[in-house]
């Protein structure tokens, strides 16, 4: 079983268009729907996926839920809602009853610059609905994790640690080390080949990425690392979906079958609590 916890879908041909990606993005600006993803992922053994919303339009959360309603391959949506907006609570109450709405990844405003007391109170609503929080890594993420130990937090894309084939700068790991001290924080080992790596085409040799992977393994261990491809942003790497999956599969397979299962789906099940869609 393999669950990819980080893909995006969008359709620029909709009458209203899309806010992401930009129309001048030659790599990403095209129709990207679940059937396009499955054509690449199913041959690699992927059995399910989670969509992470990139659109800042609140109604696009509903658009995704409608698209995936009858597709059991898609296990759910991590929505995009602005926790600093006046209507955040109302929108969360609207979407949370859907068993396919698994959490949020706020991208509309830099929520981490807000008042922490206010934000902790706001994120209590996620706990009340048993939803998770996808996030970048910053001081506020760590503080929220400490204040709300029942809130499951998934740090996206290796905490944006750059992959350049060299030993990782210890200074660049300090925030992730502190985050890893919170047992409710997971790390999504994803996006290694695209925005974390600046070489094009991205290297496919696992040794190039081993310094980053070893650092994350040492911090989060076998129970809090999660698989995500970052497709179609992965296309920036000029490598295939199979290339990206083989990279992490090679690394984690060295640690045994139990670890591989945890990375590819069991840890994600703990973090996202998706329902079995049959």
C-alpha atoms as a PDB file:
ATOM      1  CA  UNK A   1       0.000   0.000   0.000  1.00  0.00           C
ATOM      2  CA  UNK A   2       1.327   3.438  -0.980  1.00  0.00           C
ATOM      3  CA  UNK A   3      -0.447   6.698  -0.189  1.00  0.00           C
ATOM      4  CA  UNK A   4       0.855   9.901  -1.734  1.00  0.00           C
ATOM      5  CA  UNK A   5      -0.117  12.671   0.692  1.00  0.00           C
ATOM      6  CA  UNK A   6       0.746  15.681  -1.439  1.00  0.00           C
ATOM      7  CA  UNK A   7      -0.610  16.371  -4.898  1.00  0.00           C
ATOM      8  CA  UNK A   8      -2.438  19.343  -6.391  1.00  0.00           C
ATOM      9  CA  UNK A   9      -5.298  19.462  -8.882  1.00  0.00           C
ATOM     10  CA  UNK A  10      -6.676  22.403 -10.851  1.00  0.00           C
ATOM     11  CA  UNK A  11      -8.291  23.204 -14.188  1.00  0.00           C
ATOM     12  CA  UNK A  12      -7.407  26.473 -15.969  1.00  0.00           C
ATOM     13  CA  UNK A  13     -10.220  25.852 -18.486  1.00  0.00           C
ATOM     14  CA  UNK A  14     -12.877  26.558 -15.855  1.00  0.00           C
ATOM     15  CA  UNK A  15     -14.888  29.723 -16.597  1.00  0.00           C
ATOM     16  CA  UNK A  16     -13.415  31.393 -13.512  1.00  0.00           C
ATOM     17  CA  UNK A  17      -9.902  30.179 -14.274  1.00  0.00           C
ATOM     18  CA  UNK A  18      -7.462  29.419 -11.448  1.00  0.00           C
ATOM     19  CA  UNK A  19      -5.419  31.525  -9.018  1.00  0.00           C
ATOM     20  CA  UNK A  20      -2.637  28.921  -9.113  1.00  0.00           C
ATOM     21  CA  UNK A  21      -0.526  28.401 -11.144  1.00  0.00           C
ATOM     22  CA  UNK A  22       0.205  31.611 -13.036  1.00  0.00           C
ATOM     23  CA  UNK A  23      -0.819  31.559 -16.674  1.00  0.00           C
ATOM     24  CA  UNK A  24       2.787  32.189 -17.737  1.00  0.00           C
ATOM     25  CA  UNK A  25       4.052  29.078 -15.946  1.00  0.00           C
ATOM     26  CA  UNK A  26       5.064  26.878 -18.863  1.00  0.00           C
ATOM     27  CA  UNK A  27       5.526  23.838 -16.615  1.00  0.00           C
ATOM     28  CA  UNK A  28       2.391  23.839 -14.479  1.00  0.00           C
ATOM     29  CA  UNK A  29      -0.280  25.789 -16.348  1.00  0.00           C
ATOM     30  CA  UNK A  30      -2.387  22.956 -17.762  1.00  0.00           C
ATOM     31  CA  UNK A  31      -5.306  20.809 -16.675  1.00  0.00           C
ATOM     32  CA  UNK A  32      -4.292  18.658 -13.702  1.00  0.00           C
ATOM     33  CA  UNK A  33      -6.998  16.296 -12.429  1.00  0.00           C
ATOM     34  CA  UNK A  34      -7.060  12.970 -10.547  1.00  0.00           C
ATOM     35  CA  UNK A  35      -7.153  10.899 -13.738  1.00  0.00           C
ATOM     36  CA  UNK A  36      -3.981  12.628 -14.947  1.00  0.00           C
ATOM     37  CA  UNK A  37      -2.273  11.786 -11.681  1.00  0.00           C
ATOM     38  CA  UNK A  38      -3.441   8.177 -11.624  1.00  0.00           C
ATOM     39  CA  UNK A  39      -2.018   7.562 -15.084  1.00  0.00           C
ATOM     40  CA  UNK A  40       1.435   8.213 -13.606  1.00  0.00           C
ATOM     41  CA  UNK A  41       1.051   6.907 -10.067  1.00  0.00           C
ATOM     42  CA  UNK A  42      -0.946   3.687 -10.336  1.00  0.00           C
ATOM     43  CA  UNK A  43       1.747   1.957 -12.456  1.00  0.00           C
ATOM     44  CA  UNK A  44       4.163   2.733  -9.585  1.00  0.00           C
ATOM     45  CA  UNK A  45       1.984   0.925  -7.052  1.00  0.00           C
ATOM     46  CA  UNK A  46       0.287   3.968  -5.531  1.00  0.00           C
ATOM     47  CA  UNK A  47      -3.043   2.959  -4.006  1.00  0.00           C
ATOM     48  CA  UNK A  48      -4.384   6.323  -2.853  1.00  0.00           C
ATOM     49  CA  UNK A  49      -3.652  10.011  -2.602  1.00  0.00           C
ATOM     50  CA  UNK A  50      -4.460  13.174  -0.662  1.00  0.00           C
ATOM     51  CA  UNK A  51      -4.930  16.496  -2.420  1.00  0.00           C
ATOM     52  CA  UNK A  52      -3.446  19.632  -0.874  1.00  0.00           C
ATOM     53  CA  UNK A  53      -5.294  22.741  -2.012  1.00  0.00           C
ATOM     54  CA  UNK A  54      -3.126  25.471  -3.502  1.00  0.00           C
ATOM     55  CA  UNK A  55      -5.925  27.848  -4.472  1.00  0.00           C
ATOM     56  CA  UNK A  56      -6.587  30.802  -2.162  1.00  0.00           C
ATOM     57  CA  UNK A  57     -10.248  30.864  -3.166  1.00  0.00           C
ATOM     58  CA  UNK A  58     -12.331  29.368  -0.362  1.00  0.00           C
ATOM     59  CA  UNK A  59     -14.898  27.987  -2.801  1.00  0.00           C
ATOM     60  CA  UNK A  60     -12.205  25.907  -4.490  1.00  0.00           C
ATOM     61  CA  UNK A  61     -12.245  23.661  -1.440  1.00  0.00           C
ATOM     62  CA  UNK A  62     -15.776  22.744  -2.452  1.00  0.00           C
ATOM     63  CA  UNK A  63     -14.700  22.358  -6.075  1.00  0.00           C
ATOM     64  CA  UNK A  64     -12.128  19.734  -5.059  1.00  0.00           C
ATOM     65  CA  UNK A  65     -14.590  17.937  -2.795  1.00  0.00           C
ATOM     66  CA  UNK A  66     -17.044  17.759  -5.697  1.00  0.00           C
ATOM     67  CA  UNK A  67     -14.367  16.460  -8.090  1.00  0.00           C
ATOM     68  CA  UNK A  68     -13.296  13.652  -5.739  1.00  0.00           C
ATOM     69  CA  UNK A  69     -16.741  12.753  -4.371  1.00  0.00           C
ATOM     70  CA  UNK A  70     -17.052   9.602  -6.456  1.00  0.00           C
ATOM     71  CA  UNK A  71     -13.373   8.704  -6.714  1.00  0.00           C
ATOM     72  CA  UNK A  72     -12.332   6.389  -3.860  1.00  0.00           C
ATOM     73  CA  UNK A  73      -8.698   6.549  -4.995  1.00  0.00           C
ATOM     74  CA  UNK A  74      -8.566  10.070  -3.546  1.00  0.00           C
ATOM     75  CA  UNK A  75      -8.656   9.686   0.234  1.00  0.00           C
ATOM     76  CA  UNK A  76      -9.298  13.318   1.016  1.00  0.00           C
ATOM     77  CA  UNK A  77      -8.429  16.981   0.840  1.00  0.00           C
ATOM     78  CA  UNK A  78      -6.189  19.194   2.925  1.00  0.00           C
ATOM     79  CA  UNK A  79      -8.028  22.441   2.336  1.00  0.00           C
ATOM     80  CA  UNK A  80      -6.816  25.996   2.141  1.00  0.00           C
ATOM     81  CA  UNK A  81      -8.518  28.354   4.591  1.00  0.00           C
ATOM     82  CA  UNK A  82      -7.192  31.580   6.070  1.00  0.00           C
ATOM     83  CA  UNK A  83      -7.160  31.215   9.887  1.00  0.00           C
ATOM     84  CA  UNK A  84      -6.978  34.996  10.256  1.00  0.00           C
ATOM     85  CA  UNK A  85     -10.148  35.643   8.260  1.00  0.00           C
ATOM     86  CA  UNK A  86     -13.338  36.638  10.030  1.00  0.00           C
ATOM     87  CA  UNK A  87     -15.244  33.792   8.387  1.00  0.00           C
ATOM     88  CA  UNK A  88     -12.662  31.083   9.159  1.00  0.00           C
ATOM     89  CA  UNK A  89     -14.817  29.438  11.829  1.00  0.00           C
ATOM     90  CA  UNK A  90     -17.897  29.449   9.622  1.00  0.00           C
ATOM     91  CA  UNK A  91     -16.002  27.995   6.679  1.00  0.00           C
ATOM     92  CA  UNK A  92     -14.414  25.331   8.846  1.00  0.00           C
ATOM     93  CA  UNK A  93     -17.823  24.387  10.243  1.00  0.00           C
ATOM     94  CA  UNK A  94     -19.077  24.133   6.667  1.00  0.00           C
ATOM     95  CA  UNK A  95     -16.316  21.878   5.313  1.00  0.00           C
ATOM     96  CA  UNK A  96     -15.353  19.840   8.386  1.00  0.00           C
ATOM     97  CA  UNK A  97     -18.440  17.571   8.340  1.00  0.00           C
ATOM     98  CA  UNK A  98     -17.252  16.096   5.064  1.00  0.00           C
ATOM     99  CA  UNK A  99     -15.304  12.895   5.813  1.00  0.00           C
ATOM    100  CA  UNK A 100     -13.039  13.858   2.900  1.00  0.00           C
ATOM    101  CA  UNK A 101     -11.954  17.132   4.516  1.00  0.00           C
ATOM    102  CA  UNK A 102      -8.873  16.109   6.493  1.00  0.00           C
ATOM    103  CA  UNK A 103      -7.270  19.378   7.547  1.00  0.00           C
ATOM    104  CA  UNK A 104      -5.975  22.688   6.282  1.00  0.00           C
ATOM    105  CA  UNK A 105      -2.807  24.156   4.843  1.00  0.00           C
ATOM    106  CA  UNK A 106      -3.157  27.936   5.301  1.00  0.00           C
ATOM    107  CA  UNK A 107      -1.579  29.832   2.436  1.00  0.00           C
ATOM    108  CA  UNK A 108      -3.664  32.993   2.150  1.00  0.00           C
ATOM    109  CA  UNK A 109      -1.762  34.992   4.766  1.00  0.00           C
ATOM    110  CA  UNK A 110       1.393  34.429   6.806  1.00  0.00           C
ATOM    111  CA  UNK A 111      -0.567  33.216   9.809  1.00  0.00           C
ATOM    112  CA  UNK A 112       2.652  32.678  11.731  1.00  0.00           C
ATOM    113  CA  UNK A 113       2.976  36.454  12.083  1.00  0.00           C
ATOM    114  CA  UNK A 114      -0.264  36.693  13.990  1.00  0.00           C
ATOM    115  CA  UNK A 115      -0.830  36.911  17.719  1.00  0.00           C
ATOM    116  CA  UNK A 116      -0.029  33.463  19.099  1.00  0.00           C
ATOM    117  CA  UNK A 117      -2.730  33.551  21.742  1.00  0.00           C
ATOM    118  CA  UNK A 118      -5.295  34.319  19.048  1.00  0.00           C
ATOM    119  CA  UNK A 119      -3.915  31.708  16.670  1.00  0.00           C
ATOM    120  CA  UNK A 120      -3.852  29.007  19.320  1.00  0.00           C
ATOM    121  CA  UNK A 121      -7.497  29.761  20.049  1.00  0.00           C
ATOM    122  CA  UNK A 122      -8.262  29.604  16.334  1.00  0.00           C
ATOM    123  CA  UNK A 123      -6.490  26.283  15.841  1.00  0.00           C
ATOM    124  CA  UNK A 124      -8.415  24.814  18.753  1.00  0.00           C
ATOM    125  CA  UNK A 125     -11.211  24.610  16.174  1.00  0.00           C
ATOM    126  CA  UNK A 126      -9.115  22.113  14.221  1.00  0.00           C
ATOM    127  CA  UNK A 127      -8.694  19.996  17.333  1.00  0.00           C
ATOM    128  CA  UNK A 128     -12.437  20.162  17.981  1.00  0.00           C
ATOM    129  CA  UNK A 129     -13.105  18.816  14.473  1.00  0.00           C
ATOM    130  CA  UNK A 130     -10.233  16.275  14.725  1.00  0.00           C
ATOM    131  CA  UNK A 131      -8.503  17.856  11.723  1.00  0.00           C
ATOM    132  CA  UNK A 132      -4.778  18.244  11.080  1.00  0.00           C
ATOM    133  CA  UNK A 133      -2.620  21.224  10.112  1.00  0.00           C
ATOM    134  CA  UNK A 134      -0.182  21.166   7.195  1.00  0.00           C
ATOM    135  CA  UNK A 135       2.447  23.848   7.691  1.00  0.00           C
ATOM    136  CA  UNK A 136       5.843  25.203   6.880  1.00  0.00           C
ATOM    137  CA  UNK A 137       8.440  25.403   9.612  1.00  0.00           C
ATOM    138  CA  UNK A 138       8.687  28.546  11.739  1.00  0.00           C
ATOM    139  CA  UNK A 139       8.738  29.630  15.373  1.00  0.00           C
ATOM    140  CA  UNK A 140       4.972  29.899  15.504  1.00  0.00           C
ATOM    141  CA  UNK A 141       4.467  26.342  14.237  1.00  0.00           C
ATOM    142  CA  UNK A 142       6.578  25.048  17.105  1.00  0.00           C
ATOM    143  CA  UNK A 143       4.760  27.187  19.661  1.00  0.00           C
ATOM    144  CA  UNK A 144       1.355  26.060  18.370  1.00  0.00           C
ATOM    145  CA  UNK A 145       2.515  22.423  18.552  1.00  0.00           C
ATOM    146  CA  UNK A 146       3.455  22.931  22.196  1.00  0.00           C
ATOM    147  CA  UNK A 147       0.274  24.762  23.135  1.00  0.00           C
ATOM    148  CA  UNK A 148      -1.991  22.292  21.341  1.00  0.00           C
ATOM    149  CA  UNK A 149      -0.457  18.835  21.820  1.00  0.00           C
ATOM    150  CA  UNK A 150      -3.611  17.199  20.436  1.00  0.00           C
ATOM    151  CA  UNK A 151      -3.243  19.048  17.116  1.00  0.00           C
ATOM    152  CA  UNK A 152      -1.551  16.868  14.508  1.00  0.00           C
ATOM    153  CA  UNK A 153       0.877  18.999  12.484  1.00  0.00           C
ATOM    154  CA  UNK A 154       2.598  17.911   9.270  1.00  0.00           C
ATOM    155  CA  UNK A 155       5.641  19.928   8.204  1.00  0.00           C
ATOM    156  CA  UNK A 156       5.654  20.020   4.397  1.00  0.00           C
ATOM    157  CA  UNK A 157       8.525  19.327   2.020  1.00  0.00           C
ATOM    158  CA  UNK A 158      11.337  18.369   4.396  1.00  0.00           C
ATOM    159  CA  UNK A 159      11.058  21.705   6.159  1.00  0.00           C
ATOM    160  CA  UNK A 160      12.495  23.244   2.966  1.00  0.00           C
ATOM    161  CA  UNK A 161      15.977  21.978   3.777  1.00  0.00           C
ATOM    162  CA  UNK A 162      17.904  22.378   0.504  1.00  0.00           C
ATOM    163  CA  UNK A 163      19.200  19.278  -1.259  1.00  0.00           C
ATOM    164  CA  UNK A 164      22.579  20.009  -2.840  1.00  0.00           C
ATOM    165  CA  UNK A 165      24.527  16.823  -2.207  1.00  0.00           C
ATOM    166  CA  UNK A 166      26.494  18.380   0.656  1.00  0.00           C
ATOM    167  CA  UNK A 167      26.290  17.876   4.428  1.00  0.00           C
ATOM    168  CA  UNK A 168      23.379  19.825   5.881  1.00  0.00           C
ATOM    169  CA  UNK A 169      24.264  23.048   7.680  1.00  0.00           C
ATOM    170  CA  UNK A 170      23.461  22.420  11.383  1.00  0.00           C
ATOM    171  CA  UNK A 171      22.170  25.998  11.657  1.00  0.00           C
ATOM    172  CA  UNK A 172      19.545  25.164   9.068  1.00  0.00           C
ATOM    173  CA  UNK A 173      18.267  22.251  11.153  1.00  0.00           C
ATOM    174  CA  UNK A 174      17.625  24.031  14.429  1.00  0.00           C
ATOM    175  CA  UNK A 175      13.951  24.803  13.801  1.00  0.00           C
ATOM    176  CA  UNK A 176      13.254  21.281  12.575  1.00  0.00           C
ATOM    177  CA  UNK A 177      15.048  19.797  15.567  1.00  0.00           C
ATOM    178  CA  UNK A 178      12.848  21.801  17.910  1.00  0.00           C
ATOM    179  CA  UNK A 179       9.745  20.826  15.958  1.00  0.00           C
ATOM    180  CA  UNK A 180      10.724  17.163  16.134  1.00  0.00           C
ATOM    181  CA  UNK A 181      10.788  17.396  19.921  1.00  0.00           C
ATOM    182  CA  UNK A 182       6.984  17.768  19.756  1.00  0.00           C
ATOM    183  CA  UNK A 183       5.473  14.283  19.390  1.00  0.00           C
ATOM    184  CA  UNK A 184       2.458  15.681  17.510  1.00  0.00           C
ATOM    185  CA  UNK A 185       4.637  16.964  14.642  1.00  0.00           C
ATOM    186  CA  UNK A 186       5.248  14.849  11.534  1.00  0.00           C
ATOM    187  CA  UNK A 187       7.597  15.510   8.615  1.00  0.00           C
ATOM    188  CA  UNK A 188       6.476  15.075   5.026  1.00  0.00           C
ATOM    189  CA  UNK A 189       9.533  13.811   3.175  1.00  0.00           C
ATOM    190  CA  UNK A 190       8.479  15.232  -0.153  1.00  0.00           C
ATOM    191  CA  UNK A 191       9.495  17.601  -2.895  1.00  0.00           C
ATOM    192  CA  UNK A 192      13.158  16.641  -2.740  1.00  0.00           C
ATOM    193  CA  UNK A 193      13.677  16.860  -6.482  1.00  0.00           C
ATOM    194  CA  UNK A 194      11.736  20.000  -7.276  1.00  0.00           C
ATOM    195  CA  UNK A 195      12.048  23.170  -5.217  1.00  0.00           C
ATOM    196  CA  UNK A 196      14.521  21.733  -2.695  1.00  0.00           C
ATOM    197  CA  UNK A 197      17.027  20.855  -5.433  1.00  0.00           C
ATOM    198  CA  UNK A 198      18.229  23.518  -7.875  1.00  0.00           C
ATOM    199  CA  UNK A 199      20.024  21.209 -10.322  1.00  0.00           C
ATOM    200  CA  UNK A 200      18.142  20.492 -13.565  1.00  0.00           C
ATOM    201  CA  UNK A 201      17.493  17.749 -14.368  1.00  0.00           C
ATOM    202  CA  UNK A 202      17.524  16.773 -10.703  1.00  0.00           C
ATOM    203  CA  UNK A 203      19.944  13.982  -9.761  1.00  0.00           C
ATOM    204  CA  UNK A 204      18.399  10.537  -9.348  1.00  0.00           C
ATOM    205  CA  UNK A 205      21.175   9.030  -7.211  1.00  0.00           C
ATOM    206  CA  UNK A 206      19.905   8.571  -3.656  1.00  0.00           C
ATOM    207  CA  UNK A 207      23.368   9.435  -2.318  1.00  0.00           C
ATOM    208  CA  UNK A 208      22.879  13.043  -3.455  1.00  0.00           C
ATOM    209  CA  UNK A 209      19.883  13.381  -1.111  1.00  0.00           C
ATOM    210  CA  UNK A 210      21.142  11.186   1.710  1.00  0.00           C
ATOM    211  CA  UNK A 211      22.437  14.083   3.870  1.00  0.00           C
ATOM    212  CA  UNK A 212      18.925  15.569   3.992  1.00  0.00           C
ATOM    213  CA  UNK A 213      17.208  12.207   4.423  1.00  0.00           C
ATOM    214  CA  UNK A 214      19.581  11.147   7.197  1.00  0.00           C
ATOM    215  CA  UNK A 215      19.026  14.434   9.023  1.00  0.00           C
ATOM    216  CA  UNK A 216      15.244  14.055   8.880  1.00  0.00           C
ATOM    217  CA  UNK A 217      15.462  10.400   9.913  1.00  0.00           C
ATOM    218  CA  UNK A 218      17.610  11.270  12.910  1.00  0.00           C
ATOM    219  CA  UNK A 219      15.115  13.934  14.015  1.00  0.00           C
ATOM    220  CA  UNK A 220      11.738  12.310  13.321  1.00  0.00           C
ATOM    221  CA  UNK A 221      12.483   8.586  13.291  1.00  0.00           C
ATOM    222  CA  UNK A 222      10.437   5.852  11.722  1.00  0.00           C
ATOM    223  CA  UNK A 223       7.066   6.846  13.198  1.00  0.00           C
ATOM    224  CA  UNK A 224       6.750  10.436  11.952  1.00  0.00           C
ATOM    225  CA  UNK A 225       7.994  10.507   8.370  1.00  0.00           C
ATOM    226  CA  UNK A 226       5.389  10.632   5.586  1.00  0.00           C
ATOM    227  CA  UNK A 227       5.453  10.201   1.804  1.00  0.00           C
ATOM    228  CA  UNK A 228       4.379  12.931  -0.608  1.00  0.00           C
ATOM    229  CA  UNK A 229       5.345  13.519  -4.239  1.00  0.00           C
ATOM    230  CA  UNK A 230       4.485  17.217  -4.654  1.00  0.00           C
ATOM    231  CA  UNK A 231       3.067  16.420  -8.090  1.00  0.00           C
ATOM    232  CA  UNK A 232       2.754  18.242 -10.470  1.00  0.00           C
ATOM    233  CA  UNK A 233       5.239  20.741  -8.952  1.00  0.00           C
ATOM    234  CA  UNK A 234       7.572  17.755  -9.223  1.00  0.00           C
ATOM    235  CA  UNK A 235       7.708  18.483 -12.955  1.00  0.00           C
ATOM    236  CA  UNK A 236      10.076  21.385 -12.259  1.00  0.00           C
ATOM    237  CA  UNK A 237      12.691  18.722 -11.532  1.00  0.00           C
ATOM    238  CA  UNK A 238      12.603  17.504 -15.145  1.00  0.00           C
ATOM    239  CA  UNK A 239      12.298  13.996 -13.753  1.00  0.00           C
ATOM    240  CA  UNK A 240       9.427  11.515 -13.806  1.00  0.00           C
ATOM    241  CA  UNK A 241       7.023  10.529 -11.075  1.00  0.00           C
ATOM    242  CA  UNK A 242       8.706   7.121 -11.043  1.00  0.00           C
ATOM    243  CA  UNK A 243      12.111   8.737 -10.545  1.00  0.00           C
ATOM    244  CA  UNK A 244      10.913  10.638  -7.485  1.00  0.00           C
ATOM    245  CA  UNK A 245       9.203   7.647  -5.899  1.00  0.00           C
ATOM    246  CA  UNK A 246      12.143   5.338  -6.559  1.00  0.00           C
ATOM    247  CA  UNK A 247      14.416   7.787  -4.781  1.00  0.00           C
ATOM    248  CA  UNK A 248      12.612   7.636  -1.435  1.00  0.00           C
ATOM    249  CA  UNK A 249      11.724   3.972  -1.845  1.00  0.00           C
ATOM    250  CA  UNK A 250      15.405   3.123  -2.223  1.00  0.00           C
ATOM    251  CA  UNK A 251      16.327   5.087   0.879  1.00  0.00           C
ATOM    252  CA  UNK A 252      13.613   3.799   3.214  1.00  0.00           C
ATOM    253  CA  UNK A 253      13.743   0.216   1.927  1.00  0.00           C
ATOM    254  CA  UNK A 254      17.263   0.009   3.366  1.00  0.00           C
ATOM    255  CA  UNK A 255      15.692   0.366   6.802  1.00  0.00           C
ATOM    256  CA  UNK A 256      13.403  -2.629   6.441  1.00  0.00           C
ATOM    257  CA  UNK A 257       9.905  -3.495   5.286  1.00  0.00           C
ATOM    258  CA  UNK A 258       8.248  -2.249   8.475  1.00  0.00           C
ATOM    259  CA  UNK A 259       9.813   1.194   8.069  1.00  0.00           C
ATOM    260  CA  UNK A 260       8.862   1.303   4.397  1.00  0.00           C
ATOM    261  CA  UNK A 261       5.217   0.616   5.273  1.00  0.00           C
ATOM    262  CA  UNK A 262       5.232   3.300   7.930  1.00  0.00           C
ATOM    263  CA  UNK A 263       6.689   5.858   5.539  1.00  0.00           C
ATOM    264  CA  UNK A 264       4.415   5.008   2.620  1.00  0.00           C
ATOM    265  CA  UNK A 265       1.100   4.910   4.492  1.00  0.00           C
ATOM    266  CA  UNK A 266       0.904   3.942   8.159  1.00  0.00           C
ATOM    267  CA  UNK A 267       2.303   7.207   9.549  1.00  0.00           C
ATOM    268  CA  UNK A 268       0.107   9.192   7.185  1.00  0.00           C
ATOM    269  CA  UNK A 269      -2.948   7.336   8.456  1.00  0.00           C
ATOM    270  CA  UNK A 270      -2.108   8.539  11.974  1.00  0.00           C
ATOM    271  CA  UNK A 271      -1.607  12.110  10.832  1.00  0.00           C
ATOM    272  CA  UNK A 272      -4.533  12.491   8.437  1.00  0.00           C
ATOM    273  CA  UNK A 273      -7.043   9.927   9.732  1.00  0.00           C
ATOM    274  CA  UNK A 274      -8.596   9.372   6.326  1.00  0.00           C
ATOM    275  CA  UNK A 275     -11.578   7.063   6.032  1.00  0.00           C
ATOM    276  CA  UNK A 276     -11.465   3.801   4.111  1.00  0.00           C
ATOM    277  CA  UNK A 277     -13.380   4.522   0.893  1.00  0.00           C
ATOM    278  CA  UNK A 278     -13.406   0.916  -0.227  1.00  0.00           C
END
